[in-house]
Amino acid sequence: MSALPSYRWRLAPDGLATRRQLRAMGLRPGGQDVVAEVHRPRRRKDPLVAYLCRVDRAKPVRPMTPARTAALAAAMLARRTCPTCRTDAGYCIPRSLGMCVPCADRPALSSC
């Protein structure tokens, strides 16, 4: 058990939020420490745990700059580009395949 106060699912007090909830409000934790946790019980597994931060100490999300937008676009293009046929697949290449679906479905040419 941790030293943090823990609450059951949906019973956390007002003024505390998870990172996702903060992001939906346009906020970020801003370097503050976690103050509590919420446990969501499951039948046959360990409970899910979500960490809570204080909303009043949260800071606004930093705005996207043109450089960050360009870097994100380049990273997404790299994830969509098939290493086999070098085309933009239009979707993120599955890591399990390592190539676009048409290239994965194409029979491999054996070099005999």
PDB file of N, CA and C in Angstrom:
ATOM      1  N   MET A   1       0.841  -1.185   0.000  1.00  0.00           N
ATOM      2  CA  MET A   1       0.000   0.000   0.000  1.00  0.00           C
ATOM      3  C   MET A   1       0.885   1.246   0.000  1.00  0.00           C
ATOM      4  N   SER A   2       0.405   2.256  -0.635  1.00  0.00           N
ATOM      5  CA  SER A   2       1.173   3.496  -0.679  1.00  0.00           C
ATOM      6  C   SER A   2       0.711   4.439   0.433  1.00  0.00           C
ATOM      7  N   ALA A   3       1.481   5.481   0.642  1.00  0.00           N
ATOM      8  CA  ALA A   3       1.165   6.447   1.690  1.00  0.00           C
ATOM      9  C   ALA A   3       0.164   7.497   1.213  1.00  0.00           C
ATOM     10  N   LEU A   4      -0.203   7.427  -0.073  1.00  0.00           N
ATOM     11  CA  LEU A   4      -1.163   8.384  -0.618  1.00  0.00           C
ATOM     12  C   LEU A   4      -2.581   8.041  -0.171  1.00  0.00           C
ATOM     13  N   PRO A   5      -3.423   9.049   0.024  1.00  0.00           N
ATOM     14  CA  PRO A   5      -4.832   8.738   0.286  1.00  0.00           C
ATOM     15  C   PRO A   5      -5.433   8.060  -0.946  1.00  0.00           C
ATOM     16  N   SER A   6      -6.241   7.061  -0.734  1.00  0.00           N
ATOM     17  CA  SER A   6      -6.857   6.372  -1.857  1.00  0.00           C
ATOM     18  C   SER A   6      -8.373   6.426  -1.719  1.00  0.00           C
ATOM     19  N   TYR A   7      -9.016   6.537  -2.869  1.00  0.00           N
ATOM     20  CA  TYR A   7     -10.466   6.635  -2.931  1.00  0.00           C
ATOM     21  C   TYR A   7     -10.978   5.543  -3.857  1.00  0.00           C
ATOM     22  N   ARG A   8     -12.215   5.164  -3.634  1.00  0.00           N
ATOM     23  CA  ARG A   8     -12.838   4.215  -4.560  1.00  0.00           C
ATOM     24  C   ARG A   8     -13.267   4.938  -5.820  1.00  0.00           C
ATOM     25  N   TRP A   9     -13.504   4.158  -6.866  1.00  0.00           N
ATOM     26  CA  TRP A   9     -13.865   4.677  -8.181  1.00  0.00           C
ATOM     27  C   TRP A   9     -15.064   5.614  -8.084  1.00  0.00           C
ATOM     28  N   ARG A  10     -14.925   6.799  -8.669  1.00  0.00           N
ATOM     29  CA  ARG A  10     -15.952   7.856  -8.724  1.00  0.00           C
ATOM     30  C   ARG A  10     -16.268   8.493  -7.375  1.00  0.00           C
ATOM     31  N   LEU A  11     -15.447   8.263  -6.377  1.00  0.00           N
ATOM     32  CA  LEU A  11     -15.707   8.860  -5.069  1.00  0.00           C
ATOM     33  C   LEU A  11     -14.601   9.830  -4.642  1.00  0.00           C
ATOM     34  N   ALA A  12     -13.796  10.289  -5.577  1.00  0.00           N
ATOM     35  CA  ALA A  12     -12.737  11.250  -5.246  1.00  0.00           C
ATOM     36  C   ALA A  12     -13.372  12.613  -4.971  1.00  0.00           C
ATOM     37  N   PRO A  13     -12.807  13.384  -4.064  1.00  0.00           N
ATOM     38  CA  PRO A  13     -13.379  14.698  -3.759  1.00  0.00           C
ATOM     39  C   PRO A  13     -13.184  15.681  -4.913  1.00  0.00           C
ATOM     40  N   ASP A  14     -13.998  16.715  -4.917  1.00  0.00           N
ATOM     41  CA  ASP A  14     -13.859  17.770  -5.919  1.00  0.00           C
ATOM     42  C   ASP A  14     -12.514  18.468  -5.722  1.00  0.00           C
ATOM     43  N   GLY A  15     -11.969  18.968  -6.818  1.00  0.00           N
ATOM     44  CA  GLY A  15     -10.688  19.652  -6.742  1.00  0.00           C
ATOM     45  C   GLY A  15      -9.516  18.762  -7.083  1.00  0.00           C
ATOM     46  N   LEU A  16      -9.762  17.460  -7.295  1.00  0.00           N
ATOM     47  CA  LEU A  16      -8.729  16.527  -7.718  1.00  0.00           C
ATOM     48  C   LEU A  16      -9.109  15.966  -9.083  1.00  0.00           C
ATOM     49  N   ALA A  17      -8.105  15.761  -9.936  1.00  0.00           N
ATOM     50  CA  ALA A  17      -8.372  15.251 -11.279  1.00  0.00           C
ATOM     51  C   ALA A  17      -7.183  14.443 -11.781  1.00  0.00           C
ATOM     52  N   THR A  18      -7.449  13.521 -12.694  1.00  0.00           N
ATOM     53  CA  THR A  18      -6.387  12.755 -13.334  1.00  0.00           C
ATOM     54  C   THR A  18      -5.750  13.611 -14.426  1.00  0.00           C
ATOM     55  N   ARG A  19      -4.652  13.127 -14.997  1.00  0.00           N
ATOM     56  CA  ARG A  19      -3.989  13.867 -16.071  1.00  0.00           C
ATOM     57  C   ARG A  19      -4.915  14.045 -17.260  1.00  0.00           C
ATOM     58  N   ARG A  20      -5.662  13.018 -17.598  1.00  0.00           N
ATOM     59  CA  ARG A  20      -6.591  13.122 -18.729  1.00  0.00           C
ATOM     60  C   ARG A  20      -7.699  14.132 -18.457  1.00  0.00           C
ATOM     61  N   GLN A  21      -8.195  14.145 -17.247  1.00  0.00           N
ATOM     62  CA  GLN A  21      -9.224  15.115 -16.900  1.00  0.00           C
ATOM     63  C   GLN A  21      -8.672  16.530 -16.936  1.00  0.00           C
ATOM     64  N   LEU A  22      -7.436  16.703 -16.466  1.00  0.00           N
ATOM     65  CA  LEU A  22      -6.804  18.021 -16.545  1.00  0.00           C
ATOM     66  C   LEU A  22      -6.660  18.457 -17.996  1.00  0.00           C
ATOM     67  N   ARG A  23      -6.224  17.540 -18.848  1.00  0.00           N
ATOM     68  CA  ARG A  23      -6.025  17.866 -20.260  1.00  0.00           C
ATOM     69  C   ARG A  23      -7.354  18.259 -20.912  1.00  0.00           C
ATOM     70  N   ALA A  24      -8.438  17.588 -20.551  1.00  0.00           N
ATOM     71  CA  ALA A  24      -9.750  17.932 -21.091  1.00  0.00           C
ATOM     72  C   ALA A  24     -10.183  19.334 -20.657  1.00  0.00           C
ATOM     73  N   MET A  25      -9.664  19.792 -19.512  1.00  0.00           N
ATOM     74  CA  MET A  25      -9.955  21.141 -19.028  1.00  0.00           C
ATOM     75  C   MET A  25      -8.983  22.171 -19.586  1.00  0.00           C
ATOM     76  N   GLY A  26      -8.005  21.726 -20.398  1.00  0.00           N
ATOM     77  CA  GLY A  26      -7.008  22.640 -20.934  1.00  0.00           C
ATOM     78  C   GLY A  26      -5.893  22.938 -19.954  1.00  0.00           C
ATOM     79  N   LEU A  27      -5.651  22.006 -19.020  1.00  0.00           N
ATOM     80  CA  LEU A  27      -4.630  22.203 -17.990  1.00  0.00           C
ATOM     81  C   LEU A  27      -3.616  21.067 -18.039  1.00  0.00           C
ATOM     82  N   ARG A  28      -2.500  21.256 -17.330  1.00  0.00           N
ATOM     83  CA  ARG A  28      -1.468  20.235 -17.174  1.00  0.00           C
ATOM     84  C   ARG A  28      -1.037  20.246 -15.718  1.00  0.00           C
ATOM     85  N   PRO A  29      -0.454  19.155 -15.223  1.00  0.00           N
ATOM     86  CA  PRO A  29      -0.066  19.117 -13.812  1.00  0.00           C
ATOM     87  C   PRO A  29       0.942  20.198 -13.432  1.00  0.00           C
ATOM     88  N   GLY A  30       1.847  20.550 -14.318  1.00  0.00           N
ATOM     89  CA  GLY A  30       2.772  21.645 -14.049  1.00  0.00           C
ATOM     90  C   GLY A  30       3.815  21.328 -12.996  1.00  0.00           C
ATOM     91  N   GLY A  31       4.255  20.074 -12.895  1.00  0.00           N
ATOM     92  CA  GLY A  31       5.319  19.721 -11.973  1.00  0.00           C
ATOM     93  C   GLY A  31       4.886  19.410 -10.558  1.00  0.00           C
ATOM     94  N   GLN A  32       3.613  19.471 -10.264  1.00  0.00           N
ATOM     95  CA  GLN A  32       3.165  19.167  -8.908  1.00  0.00           C
ATOM     96  C   GLN A  32       3.184  17.662  -8.657  1.00  0.00           C
ATOM     97  N   ASP A  33       3.298  17.296  -7.409  1.00  0.00           N
ATOM     98  CA  ASP A  33       3.306  15.888  -7.036  1.00  0.00           C
ATOM     99  C   ASP A  33       1.886  15.339  -7.015  1.00  0.00           C
ATOM    100  N   VAL A  34       1.790  14.037  -7.138  1.00  0.00           N
ATOM    101  CA  VAL A  34       0.505  13.352  -7.033  1.00  0.00           C
ATOM    102  C   VAL A  34       0.045  13.431  -5.578  1.00  0.00           C
ATOM    103  N   VAL A  35      -1.240  13.727  -5.366  1.00  0.00           N
ATOM    104  CA  VAL A  35      -1.738  13.891  -3.997  1.00  0.00           C
ATOM    105  C   VAL A  35      -2.642  12.752  -3.544  1.00  0.00           C
ATOM    106  N   ALA A  36      -3.183  11.969  -4.477  1.00  0.00           N
ATOM    107  CA  ALA A  36      -4.071  10.867  -4.099  1.00  0.00           C
ATOM    108  C   ALA A  36      -4.171   9.888  -5.258  1.00  0.00           C
ATOM    109  N   GLU A  37      -4.868   8.796  -5.017  1.00  0.00           N
ATOM    110  CA  GLU A  37      -5.085   7.820  -6.075  1.00  0.00           C
ATOM    111  C   GLU A  37      -6.498   7.271  -5.982  1.00  0.00           C
ATOM    112  N   VAL A  38      -7.002   6.833  -7.136  1.00  0.00           N
ATOM    113  CA  VAL A  38      -8.339   6.252  -7.219  1.00  0.00           C
ATOM    114  C   VAL A  38      -8.169   4.802  -7.653  1.00  0.00           C
ATOM    115  N   HIS A  39      -8.892   3.892  -7.005  1.00  0.00           N
ATOM    116  CA  HIS A  39      -8.838   2.477  -7.343  1.00  0.00           C
ATOM    117  C   HIS A  39     -10.156   2.055  -7.977  1.00  0.00           C
ATOM    118  N   ARG A  40     -10.032   1.438  -9.152  1.00  0.00           N
ATOM    119  CA  ARG A  40     -11.215   0.900  -9.819  1.00  0.00           C
ATOM    120  C   ARG A  40     -11.141  -0.622  -9.723  1.00  0.00           C
ATOM    121  N   PRO A  41     -12.047  -1.236  -8.979  1.00  0.00           N
ATOM    122  CA  PRO A  41     -11.963  -2.685  -8.790  1.00  0.00           C
ATOM    123  C   PRO A  41     -12.290  -3.451 -10.073  1.00  0.00           C
ATOM    124  N   ARG A  42     -11.641  -4.613 -10.203  1.00  0.00           N
ATOM    125  CA  ARG A  42     -11.932  -5.539 -11.299  1.00  0.00           C
ATOM    126  C   ARG A  42     -12.145  -6.925 -10.691  1.00  0.00           C
ATOM    127  N   ARG A  43     -12.854  -7.782 -11.396  1.00  0.00           N
ATOM    128  CA  ARG A  43     -13.233  -9.074 -10.817  1.00  0.00           C
ATOM    129  C   ARG A  43     -12.066 -10.019 -10.612  1.00  0.00           C
ATOM    130  N   ARG A  44     -11.285 -10.271 -11.649  1.00  0.00           N
ATOM    131  CA  ARG A  44     -10.263 -11.301 -11.543  1.00  0.00           C
ATOM    132  C   ARG A  44      -8.837 -10.762 -11.607  1.00  0.00           C
ATOM    133  N   LYS A  45      -8.692  -9.469 -11.588  1.00  0.00           N
ATOM    134  CA  LYS A  45      -7.364  -8.865 -11.692  1.00  0.00           C
ATOM    135  C   LYS A  45      -7.181  -7.836 -10.584  1.00  0.00           C
ATOM    136  N   ASP A  46      -5.967  -7.324 -10.486  1.00  0.00           N
ATOM    137  CA  ASP A  46      -5.707  -6.240  -9.547  1.00  0.00           C
ATOM    138  C   ASP A  46      -6.489  -5.005  -9.968  1.00  0.00           C
ATOM    139  N   PRO A  47      -6.825  -4.135  -9.028  1.00  0.00           N
ATOM    140  CA  PRO A  47      -7.591  -2.941  -9.404  1.00  0.00           C
ATOM    141  C   PRO A  47      -6.762  -1.982 -10.262  1.00  0.00           C
ATOM    142  N   LEU A  48      -7.452  -1.240 -11.115  1.00  0.00           N
ATOM    143  CA  LEU A  48      -6.798  -0.186 -11.889  1.00  0.00           C
ATOM    144  C   LEU A  48      -6.570   0.998 -10.959  1.00  0.00           C
ATOM    145  N   VAL A  49      -5.458   1.673 -11.140  1.00  0.00           N
ATOM    146  CA  VAL A  49      -5.109   2.801 -10.278  1.00  0.00           C
ATOM    147  C   VAL A  49      -4.927   4.037 -11.141  1.00  0.00           C
ATOM    148  N   ALA A  50      -5.546   5.138 -10.745  1.00  0.00           N
ATOM    149  CA  ALA A  50      -5.362   6.427 -11.413  1.00  0.00           C
ATOM    150  C   ALA A  50      -4.855   7.414 -10.365  1.00  0.00           C
ATOM    151  N   TYR A  51      -3.870   8.203 -10.738  1.00  0.00           N
ATOM    152  CA  TYR A  51      -3.278   9.162  -9.812  1.00  0.00           C
ATOM    153  C   TYR A  51      -3.920  10.527  -9.995  1.00  0.00           C
ATOM    154  N   LEU A  52      -4.146  11.218  -8.889  1.00  0.00           N
ATOM    155  CA  LEU A  52      -4.867  12.489  -8.896  1.00  0.00           C
ATOM    156  C   LEU A  52      -3.946  13.647  -8.529  1.00  0.00           C
ATOM    157  N   CYS A  53      -4.173  14.772  -9.214  1.00  0.00           N
ATOM    158  CA  CYS A  53      -3.459  16.024  -8.939  1.00  0.00           C
ATOM    159  C   CYS A  53      -4.478  17.082  -8.561  1.00  0.00           C
ATOM    160  N   ARG A  54      -4.007  18.127  -7.910  1.00  0.00           N
ATOM    161  CA  ARG A  54      -4.896  19.222  -7.524  1.00  0.00           C
ATOM    162  C   ARG A  54      -5.159  20.124  -8.720  1.00  0.00           C
ATOM    163  N   VAL A  55      -6.411  20.467  -8.932  1.00  0.00           N
ATOM    164  CA  VAL A  55      -6.805  21.308 -10.065  1.00  0.00           C
ATOM    165  C   VAL A  55      -6.367  22.749  -9.837  1.00  0.00           C
ATOM    166  N   ASP A  56      -6.394  23.224  -8.592  1.00  0.00           N
ATOM    167  CA  ASP A  56      -6.049  24.624  -8.337  1.00  0.00           C
ATOM    168  C   ASP A  56      -4.556  24.907  -8.545  1.00  0.00           C
ATOM    169  N   ARG A  57      -3.713  23.884  -8.502  1.00  0.00           N
ATOM    170  CA  ARG A  57      -2.277  24.076  -8.750  1.00  0.00           C
ATOM    171  C   ARG A  57      -1.879  23.785 -10.195  1.00  0.00           C
ATOM    172  N   ALA A  58      -2.827  23.330 -11.002  1.00  0.00           N
ATOM    173  CA  ALA A  58      -2.525  22.996 -12.397  1.00  0.00           C
ATOM    174  C   ALA A  58      -2.281  24.268 -13.201  1.00  0.00           C
ATOM    175  N   LYS A  59      -1.472  24.121 -14.247  1.00  0.00           N
ATOM    176  CA  LYS A  59      -1.134  25.255 -15.116  1.00  0.00           C
ATOM    177  C   LYS A  59      -1.772  25.059 -16.478  1.00  0.00           C
ATOM    178  N   PRO A  60      -1.946  26.141 -17.239  1.00  0.00           N
ATOM    179  CA  PRO A  60      -2.524  25.984 -18.572  1.00  0.00           C
ATOM    180  C   PRO A  60      -1.580  25.229 -19.507  1.00  0.00           C
ATOM    181  N   VAL A  61      -2.162  24.551 -20.482  1.00  0.00           N
ATOM    182  CA  VAL A  61      -1.383  23.816 -21.465  1.00  0.00           C
ATOM    183  C   VAL A  61      -0.595  24.808 -22.313  1.00  0.00           C
ATOM    184  N   ARG A  62       0.655  24.451 -22.602  1.00  0.00           N
ATOM    185  CA  ARG A  62       1.471  25.325 -23.447  1.00  0.00           C
ATOM    186  C   ARG A  62       0.925  25.314 -24.871  1.00  0.00           C
ATOM    187  N   PRO A  63       0.905  26.470 -25.545  1.00  0.00           N
ATOM    188  CA  PRO A  63       0.378  26.492 -26.918  1.00  0.00           C
ATOM    189  C   PRO A  63       1.339  25.819 -27.894  1.00  0.00           C
ATOM    190  N   MET A  64       0.794  25.284 -28.975  1.00  0.00           N
ATOM    191  CA  MET A  64       1.616  24.671 -30.023  1.00  0.00           C
ATOM    192  C   MET A  64       2.312  25.767 -30.810  1.00  0.00           C
ATOM    193  N   THR A  65       3.608  25.631 -30.955  1.00  0.00           N
ATOM    194  CA  THR A  65       4.374  26.573 -31.760  1.00  0.00           C
ATOM    195  C   THR A  65       4.501  26.006 -33.172  1.00  0.00           C
ATOM    196  N   PRO A  66       4.843  26.836 -34.151  1.00  0.00           N
ATOM    197  CA  PRO A  66       5.028  26.315 -35.510  1.00  0.00           C
ATOM    198  C   PRO A  66       6.106  25.229 -35.592  1.00  0.00           C
ATOM    199  N   ALA A  67       7.163  25.345 -34.807  1.00  0.00           N
ATOM    200  CA  ALA A  67       8.214  24.334 -34.830  1.00  0.00           C
ATOM    201  C   ALA A  67       7.717  23.003 -34.271  1.00  0.00           C
ATOM    202  N   ARG A  68       6.946  23.042 -33.184  1.00  0.00           N
ATOM    203  CA  ARG A  68       6.387  21.809 -32.625  1.00  0.00           C
ATOM    204  C   ARG A  68       5.385  21.185 -33.572  1.00  0.00           C
ATOM    205  N   THR A  69       4.601  22.001 -34.266  1.00  0.00           N
ATOM    206  CA  THR A  69       3.646  21.492 -35.242  1.00  0.00           C
ATOM    207  C   THR A  69       4.372  20.797 -36.383  1.00  0.00           C
ATOM    208  N   ALA A  70       5.458  21.398 -36.874  1.00  0.00           N
ATOM    209  CA  ALA A  70       6.236  20.794 -37.965  1.00  0.00           C
ATOM    210  C   ALA A  70       6.900  19.496 -37.507  1.00  0.00           C
ATOM    211  N   ALA A  71       7.423  19.460 -36.294  1.00  0.00           N
ATOM    212  CA  ALA A  71       8.059  18.249 -35.777  1.00  0.00           C
ATOM    213  C   ALA A  71       7.045  17.129 -35.608  1.00  0.00           C
ATOM    214  N   LEU A  72       5.857  17.445 -35.137  1.00  0.00           N
ATOM    215  CA  LEU A  72       4.813  16.441 -34.988  1.00  0.00           C
ATOM    216  C   LEU A  72       4.368  15.909 -36.348  1.00  0.00           C
ATOM    217  N   ALA A  73       4.239  16.799 -37.336  1.00  0.00           N
ATOM    218  CA  ALA A  73       3.864  16.369 -38.684  1.00  0.00           C
ATOM    219  C   ALA A  73       4.928  15.449 -39.286  1.00  0.00           C
ATOM    220  N   ALA A  74       6.202  15.756 -39.079  1.00  0.00           N
ATOM    221  CA  ALA A  74       7.282  14.915 -39.594  1.00  0.00           C
ATOM    222  C   ALA A  74       7.289  13.547 -38.915  1.00  0.00           C
ATOM    223  N   ALA A  75       7.047  13.518 -37.613  1.00  0.00           N
ATOM    224  CA  ALA A  75       7.014  12.245 -36.893  1.00  0.00           C
ATOM    225  C   ALA A  75       5.846  11.382 -37.363  1.00  0.00           C
ATOM    226  N   MET A  76       4.695  11.989 -37.581  1.00  0.00           N
ATOM    227  CA  MET A  76       3.546  11.224 -38.048  1.00  0.00           C
ATOM    228  C   MET A  76       3.754  10.718 -39.471  1.00  0.00           C
ATOM    229  N   LEU A  77       4.411  11.505 -40.313  1.00  0.00           N
ATOM    230  CA  LEU A  77       4.724  11.054 -41.675  1.00  0.00           C
ATOM    231  C   LEU A  77       5.650   9.845 -41.631  1.00  0.00           C
ATOM    232  N   ALA A  78       6.612   9.852 -40.723  1.00  0.00           N
ATOM    233  CA  ALA A  78       7.523   8.711 -40.583  1.00  0.00           C
ATOM    234  C   ALA A  78       6.774   7.464 -40.123  1.00  0.00           C
ATOM    235  N   ARG A  79       5.761   7.625 -39.279  1.00  0.00           N
ATOM    236  CA  ARG A  79       4.978   6.473 -38.821  1.00  0.00           C
ATOM    237  C   ARG A  79       4.069   5.936 -39.912  1.00  0.00           C
ATOM    238  N   ARG A  80       3.688   6.788 -40.875  1.00  0.00           N
ATOM    239  CA  ARG A  80       2.801   6.361 -41.960  1.00  0.00           C
ATOM    240  C   ARG A  80       3.545   5.828 -43.173  1.00  0.00           C
ATOM    241  N   THR A  81       4.848   6.058 -43.282  1.00  0.00           N
ATOM    242  CA  THR A  81       5.619   5.660 -44.454  1.00  0.00           C
ATOM    243  C   THR A  81       6.067   4.209 -44.322  1.00  0.00           C
ATOM    244  N   CYS A  82       5.723   3.413 -45.331  1.00  0.00           N
ATOM    245  CA  CYS A  82       6.090   2.001 -45.339  1.00  0.00           C
ATOM    246  C   CYS A  82       7.572   1.872 -45.688  1.00  0.00           C
ATOM    247  N   PRO A  83       8.355   1.127 -44.900  1.00  0.00           N
ATOM    248  CA  PRO A  83       9.773   0.977 -45.207  1.00  0.00           C
ATOM    249  C   PRO A  83      10.033   0.096 -46.434  1.00  0.00           C
ATOM    250  N   THR A  84       9.058  -0.715 -46.836  1.00  0.00           N
ATOM    251  CA  THR A  84       9.240  -1.610 -47.975  1.00  0.00           C
ATOM    252  C   THR A  84       8.990  -0.900 -49.296  1.00  0.00           C
ATOM    253  N   CYS A  85       7.813  -0.266 -49.431  1.00  0.00           N
ATOM    254  CA  CYS A  85       7.469   0.366 -50.707  1.00  0.00           C
ATOM    255  C   CYS A  85       7.678   1.878 -50.700  1.00  0.00           C
ATOM    256  N   ARG A  86       8.043   2.459 -49.545  1.00  0.00           N
ATOM    257  CA  ARG A  86       8.352   3.890 -49.407  1.00  0.00           C
ATOM    258  C   ARG A  86       7.191   4.809 -49.806  1.00  0.00           C
ATOM    259  N   THR A  87       5.944   4.368 -49.562  1.00  0.00           N
ATOM    260  CA  THR A  87       4.790   5.219 -49.846  1.00  0.00           C
ATOM    261  C   THR A  87       4.087   5.566 -48.539  1.00  0.00           C
ATOM    262  N   ASP A  88       3.328   6.650 -48.584  1.00  0.00           N
ATOM    263  CA  ASP A  88       2.530   7.060 -47.439  1.00  0.00           C
ATOM    264  C   ASP A  88       1.280   6.194 -47.428  1.00  0.00           C
ATOM    265  N   ALA A  89       1.133   5.347 -46.425  1.00  0.00           N
ATOM    266  CA  ALA A  89       0.016   4.409 -46.364  1.00  0.00           C
ATOM    267  C   ALA A  89      -1.300   5.105 -46.012  1.00  0.00           C
ATOM    268  N   GLY A  90      -1.245   6.282 -45.429  1.00  0.00           N
ATOM    269  CA  GLY A  90      -2.464   6.972 -45.031  1.00  0.00           C
ATOM    270  C   GLY A  90      -2.919   6.597 -43.624  1.00  0.00           C
ATOM    271  N   TYR A  91      -2.203   5.697 -42.978  1.00  0.00           N
ATOM    272  CA  TYR A  91      -2.490   5.277 -41.608  1.00  0.00           C
ATOM    273  C   TYR A  91      -1.159   4.902 -40.958  1.00  0.00           C
ATOM    274  N   CYS A  92      -1.136   4.820 -39.659  1.00  0.00           N
ATOM    275  CA  CYS A  92       0.094   4.428 -38.967  1.00  0.00           C
ATOM    276  C   CYS A  92       0.369   2.954 -39.236  1.00  0.00           C
ATOM    277  N   ILE A  93       1.600   2.662 -39.648  1.00  0.00           N
ATOM    278  CA  ILE A  93       2.002   1.301 -39.972  1.00  0.00           C
ATOM    279  C   ILE A  93       1.955   0.464 -38.691  1.00  0.00           C
ATOM    280  N   PRO A  94       1.299  -0.708 -38.712  1.00  0.00           N
ATOM    281  CA  PRO A  94       1.267  -1.551 -37.517  1.00  0.00           C
ATOM    282  C   PRO A  94       2.667  -2.047 -37.157  1.00  0.00           C
ATOM    283  N   ARG A  95       3.031  -1.922 -35.904  1.00  0.00           N
ATOM    284  CA  ARG A  95       4.355  -2.375 -35.464  1.00  0.00           C
ATOM    285  C   ARG A  95       4.478  -3.882 -35.555  1.00  0.00           C
ATOM    286  N   SER A  96       3.355  -4.579 -35.450  1.00  0.00           N
ATOM    287  CA  SER A  96       3.405  -6.032 -35.533  1.00  0.00           C
ATOM    288  C   SER A  96       3.784  -6.504 -36.932  1.00  0.00           C
ATOM    289  N   LEU A  97       3.423  -5.727 -37.960  1.00  0.00           N
ATOM    290  CA  LEU A  97       3.754  -6.090 -39.337  1.00  0.00           C
ATOM    291  C   LEU A  97       5.083  -5.496 -39.778  1.00  0.00           C
ATOM    292  N   GLY A  98       5.345  -4.259 -39.374  1.00  0.00           N
ATOM    293  CA  GLY A  98       6.570  -3.587 -39.785  1.00  0.00           C
ATOM    294  C   GLY A  98       6.506  -3.035 -41.195  1.00  0.00           C
ATOM    295  N   MET A  99       5.348  -3.128 -41.845  1.00  0.00           N
ATOM    296  CA  MET A  99       5.146  -2.618 -43.199  1.00  0.00           C
ATOM    297  C   MET A  99       3.651  -2.417 -43.385  1.00  0.00           C
ATOM    298  N   CYS A 100       3.282  -1.785 -44.499  1.00  0.00           N
ATOM    299  CA  CYS A 100       1.862  -1.545 -44.753  1.00  0.00           C
ATOM    300  C   CYS A 100       1.167  -2.887 -45.025  1.00  0.00           C
ATOM    301  N   VAL A 101      -0.144  -2.901 -44.909  1.00  0.00           N
ATOM    302  CA  VAL A 101      -0.904  -4.137 -45.056  1.00  0.00           C
ATOM    303  C   VAL A 101      -0.761  -4.744 -46.453  1.00  0.00           C
ATOM    304  N   PRO A 102      -0.832  -3.955 -47.554  1.00  0.00           N
ATOM    305  CA  PRO A 102      -0.634  -4.576 -48.875  1.00  0.00           C
ATOM    306  C   PRO A 102       0.738  -5.245 -49.019  1.00  0.00           C
ATOM    307  N   CYS A 103       1.792  -4.633 -48.479  1.00  0.00           N
ATOM    308  CA  CYS A 103       3.122  -5.258 -48.544  1.00  0.00           C
ATOM    309  C   CYS A 103       3.166  -6.522 -47.694  1.00  0.00           C
ATOM    310  N   ALA A 104       2.486  -6.529 -46.564  1.00  0.00           N
ATOM    311  CA  ALA A 104       2.471  -7.710 -45.702  1.00  0.00           C
ATOM    312  C   ALA A 104       1.664  -8.837 -46.330  1.00  0.00           C
ATOM    313  N   ASP A 105       0.610  -8.505 -47.090  1.00  0.00           N
ATOM    314  CA  ASP A 105      -0.216  -9.521 -47.735  1.00  0.00           C
ATOM    315  C   ASP A 105       0.434 -10.087 -48.983  1.00  0.00           C
ATOM    316  N   ARG A 106       1.353  -9.341 -49.581  1.00  0.00           N
ATOM    317  CA  ARG A 106       2.035  -9.791 -50.789  1.00  0.00           C
ATOM    318  C   ARG A 106       2.918 -10.990 -50.435  1.00  0.00           C
ATOM    319  N   PRO A 107       2.855 -12.079 -51.238  1.00  0.00           N
ATOM    320  CA  PRO A 107       3.710 -13.234 -50.918  1.00  0.00           C
ATOM    321  C   PRO A 107       5.182 -12.885 -51.073  1.00  0.00           C
ATOM    322  N   ALA A 108       5.974 -13.388 -50.165  1.00  0.00           N
ATOM    323  CA  ALA A 108       7.424 -13.117 -50.198  1.00  0.00           C
ATOM    324  C   ALA A 108       8.068 -13.872 -51.357  1.00  0.00           C
ATOM    325  N   LEU A 109       8.959 -13.209 -52.054  1.00  0.00           N
ATOM    326  CA  LEU A 109       9.679 -13.842 -53.144  1.00  0.00           C
ATOM    327  C   LEU A 109      10.874 -14.586 -52.562  1.00  0.00           C
ATOM    328  N   SER A 110      10.935 -15.861 -52.829  1.00  0.00           N
ATOM    329  CA  SER A 110      12.059 -16.650 -52.302  1.00  0.00           C
ATOM    330  C   SER A 110      13.237 -16.540 -53.250  1.00  0.00           C
ATOM    331  N   SER A 111      14.404 -16.406 -52.692  1.00  0.00           N
ATOM    332  CA  SER A 111      15.613 -16.280 -53.507  1.00  0.00           C
ATOM    333  C   SER A 111      16.305 -17.635 -53.559  1.00  0.00           C
ATOM    334  N   CYS A 112      15.899 -18.474 -54.508  1.00  0.00           N
ATOM    335  CA  CYS A 112      16.491 -19.816 -54.653  1.00  0.00           C
ATOM    336  C   CYS A 112      17.519 -19.835 -55.741  1.00  0.00           C
TER     337      CYS A 112
END
